[in-house]
C-alpha atoms as a PDB file:
ATOM      1  CA  MET A   1       2.099  22.224   6.510  1.00  0.00           C
ATOM      2  CA  ALA A   2      -0.379  22.388   3.646  1.00  0.00           C
ATOM      3  CA  ASN A   3      -2.715  19.510   2.910  1.00  0.00           C
ATOM      4  CA  ILE A   4      -1.728  17.931  -0.416  1.00  0.00           C
ATOM      5  CA  LYS A   5      -3.590  15.075  -2.073  1.00  0.00           C
ATOM      6  CA  ILE A   6      -1.922  12.837  -4.670  1.00  0.00           C
ATOM      7  CA  THR A   7      -4.131  10.475  -6.647  1.00  0.00           C
ATOM      8  CA  VAL A   8      -2.672   7.641  -8.729  1.00  0.00           C
ATOM      9  CA  SER A   9      -4.999   7.539 -11.725  1.00  0.00           C
ATOM     10  CA  GLN A  10      -5.970   4.275 -13.383  1.00  0.00           C
ATOM     11  CA  ASN A  11      -4.027   4.102 -16.664  1.00  0.00           C
ATOM     12  CA  GLY A  12      -3.034   7.752 -16.248  1.00  0.00           C
ATOM     13  CA  PRO A  13      -1.033  10.381 -14.418  1.00  0.00           C
ATOM     14  CA  LEU A  14      -0.392  11.322 -10.822  1.00  0.00           C
ATOM     15  CA  ARG A  15      -2.898  14.065  -9.986  1.00  0.00           C
ATOM     16  CA  ILE A  16      -1.668  16.483  -7.322  1.00  0.00           C
ATOM     17  CA  GLU A  17      -4.047  18.859  -5.551  1.00  0.00           C
ATOM     18  CA  GLY A  18      -3.184  21.572  -3.037  1.00  0.00           C
ATOM     19  CA  GLU A  19      -0.759  24.440  -2.577  1.00  0.00           C
ATOM     20  CA  ILE A  20       2.279  22.970  -4.319  1.00  0.00           C
ATOM     21  CA  ASN A  21       5.730  23.891  -5.563  1.00  0.00           C
ATOM     22  CA  ILE A  22       7.521  21.698  -8.075  1.00  0.00           C
ATOM     23  CA  CYS A  23      11.271  22.104  -8.473  1.00  0.00           C
ATOM     24  CA  ASP A  24      13.790  20.745 -10.972  1.00  0.00           C
ATOM     25  CA  ALA A  25      17.012  18.979  -9.953  1.00  0.00           C
ATOM     26  CA  GLN A  26      18.779  22.327  -9.525  1.00  0.00           C
ATOM     27  CA  GLY A  27      16.065  23.654  -7.197  1.00  0.00           C
ATOM     28  CA  ASN A  28      14.453  25.976  -9.759  1.00  0.00           C
ATOM     29  CA  THR A  29      10.672  26.238  -9.347  1.00  0.00           C
ATOM     30  CA  TYR A  30       8.317  25.507 -12.251  1.00  0.00           C
ATOM     31  CA  GLY A  31       5.832  28.306 -12.908  1.00  0.00           C
ATOM     32  CA  LEU A  32       2.402  26.791 -12.324  1.00  0.00           C
ATOM     33  CA  ALA A  33       0.461  29.984 -13.109  1.00  0.00           C
ATOM     34  CA  GLY A  34      -1.514  29.739  -9.876  1.00  0.00           C
ATOM     35  CA  ARG A  35      -2.695  26.163 -10.450  1.00  0.00           C
ATOM     36  CA  THR A  36      -3.621  24.167  -7.355  1.00  0.00           C
ATOM     37  CA  MET A  37      -4.156  20.959  -9.348  1.00  0.00           C
ATOM     38  CA  ILE A  38      -1.691  19.463 -11.834  1.00  0.00           C
ATOM     39  CA  SER A  39      -1.011  16.051 -13.354  1.00  0.00           C
ATOM     40  CA  LEU A  40       2.448  14.498 -13.541  1.00  0.00           C
ATOM     41  CA  CYS A  41       3.360  11.972 -16.241  1.00  0.00           C
ATOM     42  CA  ARG A  42       3.717   8.309 -15.228  1.00  0.00           C
ATOM     43  CA  CYS A  43       4.005   6.737 -18.679  1.00  0.00           C
ATOM     44  CA  GLY A  44       7.285   8.495 -19.515  1.00  0.00           C
ATOM     45  CA  ASN A  45       6.149   9.566 -22.993  1.00  0.00           C
ATOM     46  CA  SER A  46       4.753  13.067 -22.396  1.00  0.00           C
ATOM     47  CA  ASN A  47       6.196  15.802 -24.583  1.00  0.00           C
ATOM     48  CA  ASN A  48       5.672  18.155 -21.631  1.00  0.00           C
ATOM     49  CA  LYS A  49       7.549  16.242 -18.888  1.00  0.00           C
ATOM     50  CA  PRO A  50       7.239  16.212 -15.954  1.00  0.00           C
ATOM     51  CA  PHE A  51       3.637  17.203 -16.708  1.00  0.00           C
ATOM     52  CA  CYS A  52       1.058  14.934 -18.334  1.00  0.00           C
ATOM     53  CA  ASP A  53      -0.047  15.791 -21.879  1.00  0.00           C
ATOM     54  CA  GLY A  54      -2.437  12.856 -22.392  1.00  0.00           C
ATOM     55  CA  THR A  55       0.036  10.690 -24.341  1.00  0.00           C
ATOM     56  CA  HIS A  56      -0.759   7.760 -22.014  1.00  0.00           C
ATOM     57  CA  ASN A  57      -4.059   7.427 -23.910  1.00  0.00           C
ATOM     58  CA  LYS A  58      -2.307   7.206 -27.300  1.00  0.00           C
ATOM     59  CA  ILE A  59       0.266   4.609 -26.251  1.00  0.00           C
ATOM     60  CA  GLY A  60      -2.057   2.409 -24.203  1.00  0.00           C
ATOM     61  CA  PHE A  61      -0.328   2.896 -20.846  1.00  0.00           C
ATOM     62  CA  GLN A  62      -1.923   0.579 -18.315  1.00  0.00           C
ATOM     63  CA  HIS A  63      -1.713   0.383 -14.558  1.00  0.00           C
ATOM     64  CA  GLU A  64      -4.513  -0.430 -12.151  1.00  0.00           C
ATOM     65  CA  PRO A  65      -3.464   1.211  -8.885  1.00  0.00           C
ATOM     66  CA  THR A  66      -4.363  -0.463  -5.623  1.00  0.00           C
ATOM     67  CA  ALA A  67      -3.272   1.071  -2.331  1.00  0.00           C
ATOM     68  CA  PHE A  68      -1.025  -1.045  -0.111  1.00  0.00           C
ATOM     69  CA  GLU A  69       1.153  -0.693   2.976  1.00  0.00           C
ATOM     70  CA  LEU A  70       4.870  -0.102   2.501  1.00  0.00           C
ATOM     71  CA  PRO A  71       7.217  -2.174   4.653  1.00  0.00           C
ATOM     72  CA  PRO A  72       8.643  -0.456   7.743  1.00  0.00           C
ATOM     73  CA  MET A  73      11.480   1.980   7.115  1.00  0.00           C
ATOM     74  CA  LYS A  74      14.962   0.628   7.703  1.00  0.00           C
ATOM     75  CA  PRO A  75      16.755   2.270  10.614  1.00  0.00           C
ATOM     76  CA  LYS A  76      19.409   4.843   9.674  1.00  0.00           C
ATOM     77  CA  VAL A  77      22.879   3.696  10.515  1.00  0.00           C
END
């Protein structure tokens, strides 16, 4: 499995680095033109969704990410 790093940017997008494939809901793959680093929109206002276009700066999107532990997974029934 490839090593992929996802960084939650302060007041910005999710930055994804590594050998990645991004698919739509139907399973079709987005053409990334060989990119190994992309940014995905978190603010919901990009005109290029799911990719970031910098709109978060214009609208004043704010989020100060701080890493935390998720609760344990619930057992499957």
